[in-house]
Amino acid sequence: MSLTRERDGRKWRIGAQDDVRWIFDKTQSTREIVSAIPPVFAAYATLVLPHSLGAEAKERHHRGVVSVLEAHSEAEPWWLGYLDTGVSEIVFPGVPMVRNHVGWDYVLVEAGPEQAAGWRPDPLEHRGPLPDLIFPANRSWLFSTLWDDDWSCIGGSEELISDFENHPAFQYPSDPGPRVGRVSLGEDATPPGHTSY
């Protein structure tokens, strides 16, 4: 029987380790994209977080992420993972957590785009309010932001990655450098000018 918790007047299913095994069993500690995304997708990219671009750009960034992901989703729930950092909101405290390959704990809940965009206040200045892990029930894409990175990793179809590359939410006249960078399996996924820990 599935564990549920109540919020916003309805019950939400809390995820278990089996719901993320497809991710955590195939990721590894490395500077490659497979540190966050299993090697099961057609295309991969990184998306630099807008931590130095002001509140308006940050809000545009977060709305853009949800918009692109939603455009590549069928009418199905999303799994939202909130990393337990000790300082950020995990949305459902006290529930069993899932653990990734390096021992980080996440609260995993089955919800959707609206909850991804609105459940958590901005936990840290540079990371924003989005969950640290997002994927649809059919596992057609995965969006992951690791605790010690200032970028997100994305895996999905060629069309999904192309939509991230071309979306106006990730293009800033004041910061013309690329915010979205395609990454191939086997190469360092660290965006130029950033540091991987």
N, C-alpha and C. Protein backbone atom coordinates (compact mmCIF):
# COMPACT_ATOMS: atom_id res chain seq x y z
N MET A 1 0.84 -1.19 0.00
CA MET A 1 0.00 0.00 0.00
C MET A 1 0.88 1.25 0.00
N SER A 2 0.54 2.20 -0.84
CA SER A 2 1.34 3.41 -0.97
C SER A 2 1.13 4.36 0.21
N LEU A 3 2.21 5.02 0.60
CA LEU A 3 2.16 6.03 1.64
C LEU A 3 1.70 7.34 1.02
N THR A 4 0.77 8.04 1.66
CA THR A 4 0.31 9.33 1.17
C THR A 4 0.39 10.37 2.29
N ARG A 5 0.46 11.62 1.89
CA ARG A 5 0.43 12.74 2.82
C ARG A 5 -0.50 13.80 2.24
N GLU A 6 -1.11 14.59 3.11
CA GLU A 6 -2.06 15.59 2.68
C GLU A 6 -1.41 16.97 2.58
N ARG A 7 -1.81 17.69 1.52
CA ARG A 7 -1.38 19.07 1.32
C ARG A 7 -2.32 19.69 0.30
N ASP A 8 -2.62 20.95 0.47
CA ASP A 8 -3.50 21.67 -0.45
C ASP A 8 -4.85 20.97 -0.63
N GLY A 9 -5.33 20.33 0.43
CA GLY A 9 -6.65 19.72 0.38
C GLY A 9 -6.75 18.39 -0.34
N ARG A 10 -5.61 17.78 -0.66
CA ARG A 10 -5.65 16.46 -1.29
C ARG A 10 -4.48 15.60 -0.84
N LYS A 11 -4.57 14.31 -1.15
CA LYS A 11 -3.51 13.38 -0.75
C LYS A 11 -2.53 13.19 -1.89
N TRP A 12 -1.25 13.11 -1.53
CA TRP A 12 -0.16 12.94 -2.49
C TRP A 12 0.62 11.68 -2.15
N ARG A 13 0.94 10.91 -3.17
CA ARG A 13 1.69 9.67 -2.98
C ARG A 13 3.16 9.98 -2.74
N ILE A 14 3.72 9.39 -1.69
CA ILE A 14 5.13 9.52 -1.37
C ILE A 14 5.89 8.38 -2.05
N GLY A 15 6.96 8.73 -2.75
CA GLY A 15 7.71 7.74 -3.50
C GLY A 15 8.63 6.89 -2.63
N ALA A 16 9.04 5.78 -3.19
CA ALA A 16 9.93 4.83 -2.51
C ALA A 16 11.17 4.61 -3.36
N GLN A 17 12.14 3.90 -2.82
CA GLN A 17 13.40 3.67 -3.51
C GLN A 17 13.21 3.03 -4.89
N ASP A 18 12.24 2.14 -5.02
CA ASP A 18 12.00 1.50 -6.31
C ASP A 18 11.60 2.50 -7.40
N ASP A 19 11.01 3.62 -7.01
CA ASP A 19 10.59 4.62 -7.98
C ASP A 19 11.76 5.37 -8.60
N VAL A 20 12.91 5.35 -7.96
CA VAL A 20 14.08 6.06 -8.48
C VAL A 20 15.26 5.12 -8.76
N ARG A 21 15.04 3.83 -8.59
CA ARG A 21 16.13 2.88 -8.81
C ARG A 21 16.70 3.00 -10.22
N TRP A 22 15.84 3.28 -11.21
CA TRP A 22 16.29 3.42 -12.60
C TRP A 22 17.29 4.57 -12.76
N ILE A 23 17.22 5.54 -11.87
CA ILE A 23 18.17 6.67 -11.90
C ILE A 23 19.41 6.33 -11.09
N PHE A 24 19.20 6.01 -9.84
CA PHE A 24 20.32 5.90 -8.91
C PHE A 24 21.21 4.70 -9.16
N ASP A 25 20.67 3.63 -9.76
CA ASP A 25 21.51 2.47 -10.07
C ASP A 25 22.40 2.70 -11.29
N LYS A 26 22.08 3.73 -12.10
CA LYS A 26 22.84 3.96 -13.32
C LYS A 26 23.60 5.28 -13.34
N THR A 27 23.62 5.99 -12.22
CA THR A 27 24.43 7.20 -12.12
C THR A 27 25.66 6.89 -11.30
N GLN A 28 26.66 7.75 -11.41
CA GLN A 28 27.93 7.48 -10.72
C GLN A 28 28.64 8.78 -10.38
N SER A 29 29.56 8.72 -9.46
CA SER A 29 30.32 9.90 -9.05
C SER A 29 31.38 10.19 -10.11
N THR A 30 31.16 11.25 -10.87
CA THR A 30 32.03 11.62 -11.97
C THR A 30 31.71 13.06 -12.35
N ARG A 31 32.49 13.64 -13.23
CA ARG A 31 32.18 14.98 -13.75
C ARG A 31 31.36 14.91 -15.02
N GLU A 32 31.00 13.72 -15.43
CA GLU A 32 30.20 13.53 -16.63
C GLU A 32 28.71 13.69 -16.29
N ILE A 33 27.88 13.78 -17.32
CA ILE A 33 26.45 13.96 -17.14
C ILE A 33 25.83 12.82 -16.33
N VAL A 34 26.47 11.65 -16.36
CA VAL A 34 25.93 10.49 -15.63
C VAL A 34 26.09 10.62 -14.12
N SER A 35 26.63 11.73 -13.64
CA SER A 35 26.60 11.98 -12.20
C SER A 35 25.18 12.28 -11.74
N ALA A 36 24.33 12.78 -12.68
CA ALA A 36 22.96 13.15 -12.33
C ALA A 36 21.91 12.48 -13.20
N ILE A 37 22.28 12.07 -14.40
CA ILE A 37 21.33 11.55 -15.38
C ILE A 37 21.82 10.18 -15.86
N PRO A 38 21.00 9.14 -15.79
CA PRO A 38 21.44 7.83 -16.29
C PRO A 38 21.59 7.86 -17.82
N PRO A 39 22.45 7.02 -18.37
CA PRO A 39 22.70 7.03 -19.81
C PRO A 39 21.64 6.27 -20.60
N VAL A 40 20.41 6.79 -20.55
CA VAL A 40 19.29 6.11 -21.20
C VAL A 40 18.53 7.02 -22.17
N PHE A 41 19.03 8.24 -22.38
CA PHE A 41 18.30 9.22 -23.19
C PHE A 41 18.98 9.47 -24.53
N ALA A 42 18.26 10.09 -25.44
CA ALA A 42 18.79 10.42 -26.77
C ALA A 42 19.72 11.64 -26.71
N ALA A 43 19.47 12.56 -25.77
CA ALA A 43 20.25 13.80 -25.72
C ALA A 43 20.36 14.29 -24.27
N TYR A 44 21.40 15.12 -24.04
CA TYR A 44 21.70 15.60 -22.69
C TYR A 44 22.15 17.06 -22.76
N ALA A 45 21.93 17.79 -21.67
CA ALA A 45 22.39 19.18 -21.61
C ALA A 45 22.52 19.61 -20.16
N THR A 46 23.21 20.73 -19.99
CA THR A 46 23.25 21.40 -18.70
C THR A 46 22.57 22.75 -18.87
N LEU A 47 22.01 23.25 -17.79
CA LEU A 47 21.34 24.55 -17.76
C LEU A 47 21.87 25.31 -16.55
N VAL A 48 22.61 26.39 -16.81
CA VAL A 48 23.21 27.18 -15.74
C VAL A 48 22.11 27.91 -14.96
N LEU A 49 22.19 27.86 -13.64
CA LEU A 49 21.22 28.56 -12.79
C LEU A 49 21.48 30.07 -12.86
N PRO A 50 20.43 30.88 -12.77
CA PRO A 50 20.58 32.33 -12.95
C PRO A 50 20.90 33.07 -11.65
N HIS A 51 21.82 32.54 -10.86
CA HIS A 51 22.03 33.09 -9.52
C HIS A 51 22.53 34.53 -9.50
N SER A 52 23.13 35.03 -10.55
CA SER A 52 23.68 36.38 -10.52
C SER A 52 22.88 37.36 -11.37
N LEU A 53 21.69 36.98 -11.82
CA LEU A 53 20.98 37.80 -12.81
C LEU A 53 19.76 38.54 -12.28
N GLY A 54 19.50 38.49 -10.99
CA GLY A 54 18.38 39.25 -10.43
C GLY A 54 17.10 38.45 -10.34
N ALA A 55 16.16 38.98 -9.53
CA ALA A 55 14.93 38.27 -9.22
C ALA A 55 14.06 38.01 -10.44
N GLU A 56 13.96 38.98 -11.35
CA GLU A 56 13.11 38.81 -12.53
C GLU A 56 13.63 37.70 -13.43
N ALA A 57 14.94 37.67 -13.64
CA ALA A 57 15.54 36.62 -14.47
C ALA A 57 15.38 35.25 -13.82
N LYS A 58 15.50 35.20 -12.52
CA LYS A 58 15.34 33.92 -11.82
C LYS A 58 13.92 33.39 -11.99
N GLU A 59 12.94 34.27 -11.81
CA GLU A 59 11.55 33.85 -11.96
C GLU A 59 11.28 33.39 -13.39
N ARG A 60 11.82 34.11 -14.36
CA ARG A 60 11.66 33.73 -15.76
C ARG A 60 12.29 32.36 -16.03
N HIS A 61 13.45 32.13 -15.44
CA HIS A 61 14.15 30.85 -15.57
C HIS A 61 13.28 29.70 -15.06
N HIS A 62 12.76 29.83 -13.85
CA HIS A 62 11.98 28.75 -13.23
C HIS A 62 10.69 28.49 -14.01
N ARG A 63 10.03 29.56 -14.44
CA ARG A 63 8.82 29.38 -15.27
C ARG A 63 9.18 28.71 -16.60
N GLY A 64 10.31 29.08 -17.17
CA GLY A 64 10.75 28.49 -18.43
C GLY A 64 11.02 27.00 -18.30
N VAL A 65 11.67 26.60 -17.22
CA VAL A 65 11.94 25.17 -17.00
C VAL A 65 10.63 24.38 -16.97
N VAL A 66 9.69 24.83 -16.16
CA VAL A 66 8.41 24.11 -16.04
C VAL A 66 7.67 24.11 -17.38
N SER A 67 7.72 25.23 -18.10
CA SER A 67 7.04 25.32 -19.39
C SER A 67 7.59 24.32 -20.40
N VAL A 68 8.91 24.23 -20.52
CA VAL A 68 9.51 23.30 -21.47
C VAL A 68 9.21 21.85 -21.07
N LEU A 69 9.38 21.54 -19.79
CA LEU A 69 9.12 20.17 -19.34
C LEU A 69 7.65 19.79 -19.55
N GLU A 70 6.76 20.72 -19.26
CA GLU A 70 5.33 20.44 -19.43
C GLU A 70 4.98 20.22 -20.89
N ALA A 71 5.63 20.95 -21.79
CA ALA A 71 5.36 20.78 -23.23
C ALA A 71 5.80 19.40 -23.73
N HIS A 72 6.68 18.75 -22.98
CA HIS A 72 7.16 17.42 -23.37
C HIS A 72 6.61 16.33 -22.45
N SER A 73 5.45 16.60 -21.87
CA SER A 73 4.82 15.64 -20.97
C SER A 73 3.44 15.27 -21.48
N GLU A 74 3.10 14.04 -21.27
CA GLU A 74 1.74 13.60 -21.54
C GLU A 74 0.90 13.93 -20.31
N ALA A 75 -0.37 13.63 -20.35
CA ALA A 75 -1.25 13.89 -19.20
C ALA A 75 -0.97 12.83 -18.14
N GLU A 76 0.08 13.03 -17.39
CA GLU A 76 0.51 12.07 -16.39
C GLU A 76 1.18 12.80 -15.24
N PRO A 77 1.29 12.16 -14.10
CA PRO A 77 1.94 12.83 -12.97
C PRO A 77 3.45 12.94 -13.17
N TRP A 78 4.02 13.85 -12.41
CA TRP A 78 5.47 13.99 -12.32
C TRP A 78 5.92 13.52 -10.95
N TRP A 79 7.13 12.99 -10.90
CA TRP A 79 7.77 12.72 -9.62
C TRP A 79 8.65 13.93 -9.29
N LEU A 80 8.50 14.45 -8.08
CA LEU A 80 9.27 15.60 -7.61
C LEU A 80 10.15 15.15 -6.45
N GLY A 81 11.44 15.41 -6.55
CA GLY A 81 12.37 15.03 -5.49
C GLY A 81 12.98 16.26 -4.84
N TYR A 82 12.87 16.32 -3.53
CA TYR A 82 13.40 17.44 -2.75
C TYR A 82 14.57 16.96 -1.89
N LEU A 83 15.75 17.43 -2.21
CA LEU A 83 16.96 17.00 -1.52
C LEU A 83 16.99 17.55 -0.10
N ASP A 84 17.27 16.68 0.84
CA ASP A 84 17.36 17.08 2.24
C ASP A 84 18.76 17.63 2.51
N THR A 85 18.89 18.94 2.39
CA THR A 85 20.18 19.60 2.61
C THR A 85 20.34 20.09 4.04
N GLY A 86 19.26 20.09 4.78
CA GLY A 86 19.29 20.65 6.12
C GLY A 86 18.89 22.12 6.15
N VAL A 87 18.87 22.76 4.97
CA VAL A 87 18.49 24.18 4.93
C VAL A 87 17.33 24.45 3.97
N SER A 88 17.06 23.57 3.03
CA SER A 88 15.98 23.82 2.07
C SER A 88 14.73 23.05 2.45
N GLU A 89 13.61 23.55 2.01
CA GLU A 89 12.30 22.97 2.29
C GLU A 89 12.16 21.62 1.56
N ILE A 90 11.80 20.58 2.31
CA ILE A 90 11.60 19.27 1.69
C ILE A 90 10.12 18.95 1.50
N VAL A 91 9.24 19.89 1.78
CA VAL A 91 7.81 19.86 1.50
C VAL A 91 7.03 18.90 2.40
N PHE A 92 7.50 17.66 2.57
CA PHE A 92 6.82 16.69 3.42
C PHE A 92 7.80 16.15 4.46
N PRO A 93 8.06 16.90 5.52
CA PRO A 93 9.00 16.41 6.52
C PRO A 93 8.46 15.17 7.23
N GLY A 94 9.38 14.31 7.64
CA GLY A 94 9.01 13.14 8.42
C GLY A 94 8.60 11.92 7.63
N VAL A 95 8.64 12.00 6.29
CA VAL A 95 8.28 10.83 5.49
C VAL A 95 9.56 10.05 5.15
N PRO A 96 9.43 8.77 4.81
CA PRO A 96 10.60 8.01 4.38
C PRO A 96 11.21 8.65 3.12
N MET A 97 12.52 8.64 3.05
CA MET A 97 13.22 9.25 1.93
C MET A 97 13.85 8.19 1.03
N VAL A 98 14.21 8.62 -0.17
CA VAL A 98 14.97 7.76 -1.07
C VAL A 98 16.40 8.26 -1.06
N ARG A 99 17.34 7.37 -1.33
CA ARG A 99 18.76 7.72 -1.26
C ARG A 99 19.42 7.51 -2.60
N ASN A 100 20.24 8.51 -3.03
CA ASN A 100 20.93 8.34 -4.32
C ASN A 100 22.27 7.65 -4.13
N HIS A 101 23.01 7.53 -5.21
CA HIS A 101 24.24 6.73 -5.23
C HIS A 101 25.34 7.24 -4.32
N VAL A 102 25.33 8.53 -3.98
CA VAL A 102 26.37 9.05 -3.08
C VAL A 102 25.85 9.27 -1.67
N GLY A 103 24.64 8.81 -1.39
CA GLY A 103 24.12 8.86 -0.03
C GLY A 103 23.27 10.07 0.30
N TRP A 104 22.88 10.88 -0.68
CA TRP A 104 22.00 12.02 -0.41
C TRP A 104 20.56 11.53 -0.33
N ASP A 105 19.81 12.11 0.59
CA ASP A 105 18.42 11.72 0.81
C ASP A 105 17.46 12.73 0.19
N TYR A 106 16.42 12.21 -0.47
CA TYR A 106 15.39 13.02 -1.10
C TYR A 106 14.01 12.61 -0.59
N VAL A 107 13.12 13.58 -0.42
CA VAL A 107 11.70 13.30 -0.30
C VAL A 107 11.18 13.25 -1.72
N LEU A 108 10.50 12.17 -2.08
CA LEU A 108 9.97 11.98 -3.43
C LEU A 108 8.46 11.93 -3.35
N VAL A 109 7.80 12.76 -4.16
CA VAL A 109 6.33 12.82 -4.13
C VAL A 109 5.80 12.88 -5.56
N GLU A 110 4.70 12.18 -5.78
CA GLU A 110 4.04 12.16 -7.08
C GLU A 110 3.07 13.33 -7.14
N ALA A 111 3.33 14.28 -8.05
CA ALA A 111 2.50 15.48 -8.14
C ALA A 111 2.45 15.94 -9.60
N GLY A 112 2.79 17.22 -9.87
CA GLY A 112 2.72 17.71 -11.24
C GLY A 112 3.38 19.06 -11.42
N PRO A 113 3.23 19.68 -12.59
CA PRO A 113 3.89 20.95 -12.88
C PRO A 113 3.53 22.06 -11.92
N GLU A 114 2.26 22.16 -11.56
CA GLU A 114 1.84 23.24 -10.66
C GLU A 114 2.54 23.13 -9.31
N GLN A 115 2.65 21.93 -8.79
CA GLN A 115 3.31 21.73 -7.51
C GLN A 115 4.82 21.95 -7.64
N ALA A 116 5.40 21.52 -8.76
CA ALA A 116 6.84 21.74 -8.98
C ALA A 116 7.17 23.22 -8.93
N ALA A 117 6.28 24.03 -9.48
CA ALA A 117 6.52 25.48 -9.56
C ALA A 117 6.20 26.22 -8.27
N GLY A 118 5.37 25.62 -7.42
CA GLY A 118 4.88 26.43 -6.30
C GLY A 118 4.98 25.89 -4.90
N TRP A 119 5.43 24.67 -4.72
CA TRP A 119 5.41 24.11 -3.37
C TRP A 119 6.52 24.64 -2.47
N ARG A 120 7.65 24.96 -3.03
CA ARG A 120 8.79 25.30 -2.18
C ARG A 120 9.19 26.75 -2.38
N PRO A 121 9.36 27.48 -1.29
CA PRO A 121 9.92 28.82 -1.44
C PRO A 121 11.37 28.69 -1.89
N ASP A 122 11.92 29.76 -2.44
CA ASP A 122 13.32 29.73 -2.90
C ASP A 122 14.21 29.29 -1.74
N PRO A 123 14.78 28.07 -1.78
CA PRO A 123 15.51 27.55 -0.63
C PRO A 123 16.86 28.22 -0.41
N LEU A 124 17.52 28.56 -1.48
CA LEU A 124 18.81 29.24 -1.41
C LEU A 124 18.84 30.26 -2.54
N GLU A 125 19.55 31.31 -2.35
CA GLU A 125 19.56 32.41 -3.31
C GLU A 125 19.80 31.94 -4.74
N HIS A 126 20.72 31.01 -4.98
CA HIS A 126 21.06 30.66 -6.35
C HIS A 126 20.30 29.46 -6.90
N ARG A 127 19.63 28.67 -6.08
CA ARG A 127 19.05 27.42 -6.57
C ARG A 127 17.60 27.55 -7.02
N GLY A 128 16.86 28.43 -6.42
CA GLY A 128 15.48 28.62 -6.82
C GLY A 128 14.53 27.62 -6.19
N PRO A 129 13.23 27.75 -6.48
CA PRO A 129 12.21 26.97 -5.80
C PRO A 129 11.91 25.60 -6.40
N LEU A 130 12.44 25.31 -7.57
CA LEU A 130 12.10 24.04 -8.21
C LEU A 130 12.63 22.84 -7.42
N PRO A 131 11.96 21.69 -7.55
CA PRO A 131 12.50 20.48 -6.93
C PRO A 131 13.89 20.16 -7.49
N ASP A 132 14.65 19.40 -6.74
CA ASP A 132 16.01 19.04 -7.16
C ASP A 132 16.00 17.91 -8.19
N LEU A 133 14.89 17.21 -8.26
CA LEU A 133 14.74 16.07 -9.17
C LEU A 133 13.31 16.11 -9.71
N ILE A 134 13.16 16.05 -11.04
CA ILE A 134 11.82 16.04 -11.65
C ILE A 134 11.84 15.05 -12.82
N PHE A 135 10.85 14.17 -12.87
CA PHE A 135 10.69 13.31 -14.04
C PHE A 135 9.24 12.85 -14.13
N PRO A 136 8.75 12.63 -15.36
CA PRO A 136 7.36 12.19 -15.51
C PRO A 136 7.24 10.69 -15.25
N ALA A 137 6.00 10.25 -15.06
CA ALA A 137 5.76 8.84 -14.77
C ALA A 137 6.29 7.92 -15.88
N ASN A 138 6.29 8.40 -17.13
CA ASN A 138 6.77 7.54 -18.22
C ASN A 138 8.29 7.59 -18.41
N ARG A 139 8.97 8.38 -17.59
CA ARG A 139 10.44 8.47 -17.57
C ARG A 139 11.02 8.93 -18.90
N SER A 140 10.30 9.75 -19.65
CA SER A 140 10.77 10.20 -20.96
C SER A 140 11.80 11.30 -20.88
N TRP A 141 11.96 11.92 -19.71
CA TRP A 141 13.00 12.92 -19.47
C TRP A 141 13.31 12.96 -17.99
N LEU A 142 14.42 13.61 -17.67
CA LEU A 142 14.83 13.77 -16.27
C LEU A 142 15.53 15.11 -16.13
N PHE A 143 15.14 15.86 -15.11
CA PHE A 143 15.73 17.16 -14.79
C PHE A 143 16.28 17.05 -13.37
N SER A 144 17.57 17.30 -13.19
CA SER A 144 18.22 17.08 -11.89
C SER A 144 19.19 18.20 -11.58
N THR A 145 19.11 18.72 -10.36
CA THR A 145 20.05 19.73 -9.88
C THR A 145 20.73 19.17 -8.63
N LEU A 146 22.00 18.85 -8.75
CA LEU A 146 22.73 18.28 -7.62
C LEU A 146 23.09 19.38 -6.61
N TRP A 147 23.24 18.99 -5.38
CA TRP A 147 23.44 19.93 -4.28
C TRP A 147 24.64 20.84 -4.48
N ASP A 148 25.75 20.33 -4.97
CA ASP A 148 26.97 21.13 -5.03
C ASP A 148 27.24 21.74 -6.40
N ASP A 149 26.24 21.74 -7.29
CA ASP A 149 26.41 22.35 -8.62
C ASP A 149 25.56 23.61 -8.74
N ASP A 150 26.01 24.55 -9.57
CA ASP A 150 25.19 25.73 -9.85
C ASP A 150 24.61 25.65 -11.26
N TRP A 151 24.29 24.45 -11.66
CA TRP A 151 23.60 24.18 -12.92
C TRP A 151 22.74 22.93 -12.74
N SER A 152 21.78 22.78 -13.64
CA SER A 152 20.93 21.59 -13.67
C SER A 152 21.37 20.71 -14.83
N CYS A 153 21.10 19.43 -14.72
CA CYS A 153 21.38 18.47 -15.79
C CYS A 153 20.05 17.97 -16.34
N ILE A 154 20.02 17.76 -17.66
CA ILE A 154 18.78 17.37 -18.32
C ILE A 154 19.07 16.19 -19.25
N GLY A 155 18.18 15.22 -19.26
CA GLY A 155 18.24 14.13 -20.22
C GLY A 155 16.87 13.95 -20.83
N GLY A 156 16.81 13.70 -22.13
CA GLY A 156 15.52 13.51 -22.78
C GLY A 156 15.68 13.36 -24.27
N SER A 157 14.66 13.73 -24.99
CA SER A 157 14.68 13.64 -26.46
C SER A 157 15.49 14.79 -27.05
N GLU A 158 15.87 14.63 -28.32
CA GLU A 158 16.54 15.72 -29.04
C GLU A 158 15.65 16.97 -29.05
N GLU A 159 14.36 16.78 -29.20
CA GLU A 159 13.43 17.91 -29.25
C GLU A 159 13.38 18.65 -27.92
N LEU A 160 13.40 17.91 -26.83
CA LEU A 160 13.39 18.55 -25.50
C LEU A 160 14.63 19.43 -25.33
N ILE A 161 15.79 18.87 -25.63
CA ILE A 161 17.03 19.63 -25.45
C ILE A 161 17.05 20.84 -26.39
N SER A 162 16.57 20.68 -27.60
CA SER A 162 16.49 21.78 -28.55
C SER A 162 15.57 22.89 -28.02
N ASP A 163 14.46 22.51 -27.41
CA ASP A 163 13.55 23.51 -26.85
C ASP A 163 14.19 24.26 -25.70
N PHE A 164 14.99 23.59 -24.89
CA PHE A 164 15.74 24.31 -23.85
C PHE A 164 16.73 25.28 -24.48
N GLU A 165 17.43 24.84 -25.51
CA GLU A 165 18.42 25.70 -26.17
C GLU A 165 17.79 26.97 -26.75
N ASN A 166 16.58 26.85 -27.26
CA ASN A 166 15.95 27.95 -27.98
C ASN A 166 14.93 28.75 -27.17
N HIS A 167 14.67 28.37 -25.96
CA HIS A 167 13.64 29.05 -25.17
C HIS A 167 14.14 30.43 -24.73
N PRO A 168 13.33 31.47 -24.92
CA PRO A 168 13.77 32.82 -24.55
C PRO A 168 14.02 33.02 -23.06
N ALA A 169 13.45 32.17 -22.22
CA ALA A 169 13.67 32.32 -20.77
C ALA A 169 15.12 32.11 -20.38
N PHE A 170 15.91 31.44 -21.23
CA PHE A 170 17.29 31.14 -20.90
C PHE A 170 18.28 31.96 -21.72
N GLN A 171 17.80 33.06 -22.27
CA GLN A 171 18.66 33.96 -23.04
C GLN A 171 18.59 35.34 -22.41
N TYR A 172 19.75 35.86 -22.02
CA TYR A 172 19.82 37.13 -21.30
C TYR A 172 20.74 38.10 -22.04
N PRO A 173 20.21 39.24 -22.50
CA PRO A 173 21.07 40.22 -23.18
C PRO A 173 22.25 40.67 -22.32
N SER A 174 22.04 40.76 -21.01
CA SER A 174 23.11 41.22 -20.12
C SER A 174 24.16 40.14 -19.85
N ASP A 175 23.85 38.91 -20.21
CA ASP A 175 24.77 37.79 -20.00
C ASP A 175 24.70 36.89 -21.24
N PRO A 176 25.38 37.29 -22.32
CA PRO A 176 25.21 36.62 -23.59
C PRO A 176 25.81 35.21 -23.69
N GLY A 177 26.53 34.78 -22.68
CA GLY A 177 27.10 33.43 -22.73
C GLY A 177 26.02 32.38 -22.77
N PRO A 178 26.30 31.20 -23.29
CA PRO A 178 25.27 30.15 -23.37
C PRO A 178 24.86 29.66 -21.99
N ARG A 179 23.58 29.62 -21.74
CA ARG A 179 23.06 29.10 -20.47
C ARG A 179 22.79 27.59 -20.58
N VAL A 180 22.47 27.15 -21.80
CA VAL A 180 22.20 25.74 -22.06
C VAL A 180 23.34 25.19 -22.90
N GLY A 181 23.92 24.10 -22.46
CA GLY A 181 25.01 23.49 -23.22
C GLY A 181 24.76 22.01 -23.43
N ARG A 182 24.76 21.59 -24.68
CA ARG A 182 24.62 20.16 -24.97
C ARG A 182 25.84 19.42 -24.44
N VAL A 183 25.61 18.21 -23.97
CA VAL A 183 26.66 17.38 -23.41
C VAL A 183 26.54 15.98 -23.99
N SER A 184 27.66 15.40 -24.34
CA SER A 184 27.68 14.02 -24.82
C SER A 184 28.11 13.09 -23.68
N LEU A 185 27.67 11.86 -23.75
CA LEU A 185 28.13 10.87 -22.78
C LEU A 185 29.64 10.74 -22.88
N GLY A 186 30.30 10.67 -21.77
CA GLY A 186 31.75 10.49 -21.74
C GLY A 186 32.55 11.76 -21.62
N GLU A 187 31.91 12.94 -21.78
CA GLU A 187 32.66 14.18 -21.65
C GLU A 187 32.33 14.89 -20.35
N ASP A 188 33.23 15.75 -19.91
CA ASP A 188 33.01 16.54 -18.70
C ASP A 188 31.79 17.43 -18.93
N ALA A 189 30.82 17.34 -18.03
CA ALA A 189 29.58 18.10 -18.18
C ALA A 189 29.64 19.46 -17.50
N THR A 190 30.75 19.81 -16.88
CA THR A 190 30.86 21.08 -16.18
C THR A 190 30.76 22.24 -17.18
N PRO A 191 29.78 23.14 -17.03
CA PRO A 191 29.69 24.26 -17.97
C PRO A 191 30.95 25.13 -17.91
N PRO A 192 31.32 25.76 -19.03
CA PRO A 192 32.50 26.63 -19.05
C PRO A 192 32.40 27.72 -17.97
N GLY A 193 33.50 27.92 -17.26
CA GLY A 193 33.54 28.93 -16.21
C GLY A 193 32.98 28.50 -14.88
N HIS A 194 32.57 27.24 -14.76
CA HIS A 194 32.01 26.73 -13.52
C HIS A 194 32.93 25.65 -12.94
N THR A 195 32.70 25.31 -11.68
CA THR A 195 33.55 24.34 -11.00
C THR A 195 32.72 23.16 -10.52
N SER A 196 33.19 21.97 -10.80
CA SER A 196 32.53 20.75 -10.33
C SER A 196 33.26 20.27 -9.09
N TYR A 197 32.48 19.89 -8.04
CA TYR A 197 33.09 19.42 -6.79
C TYR A 197 32.92 17.93 -6.62
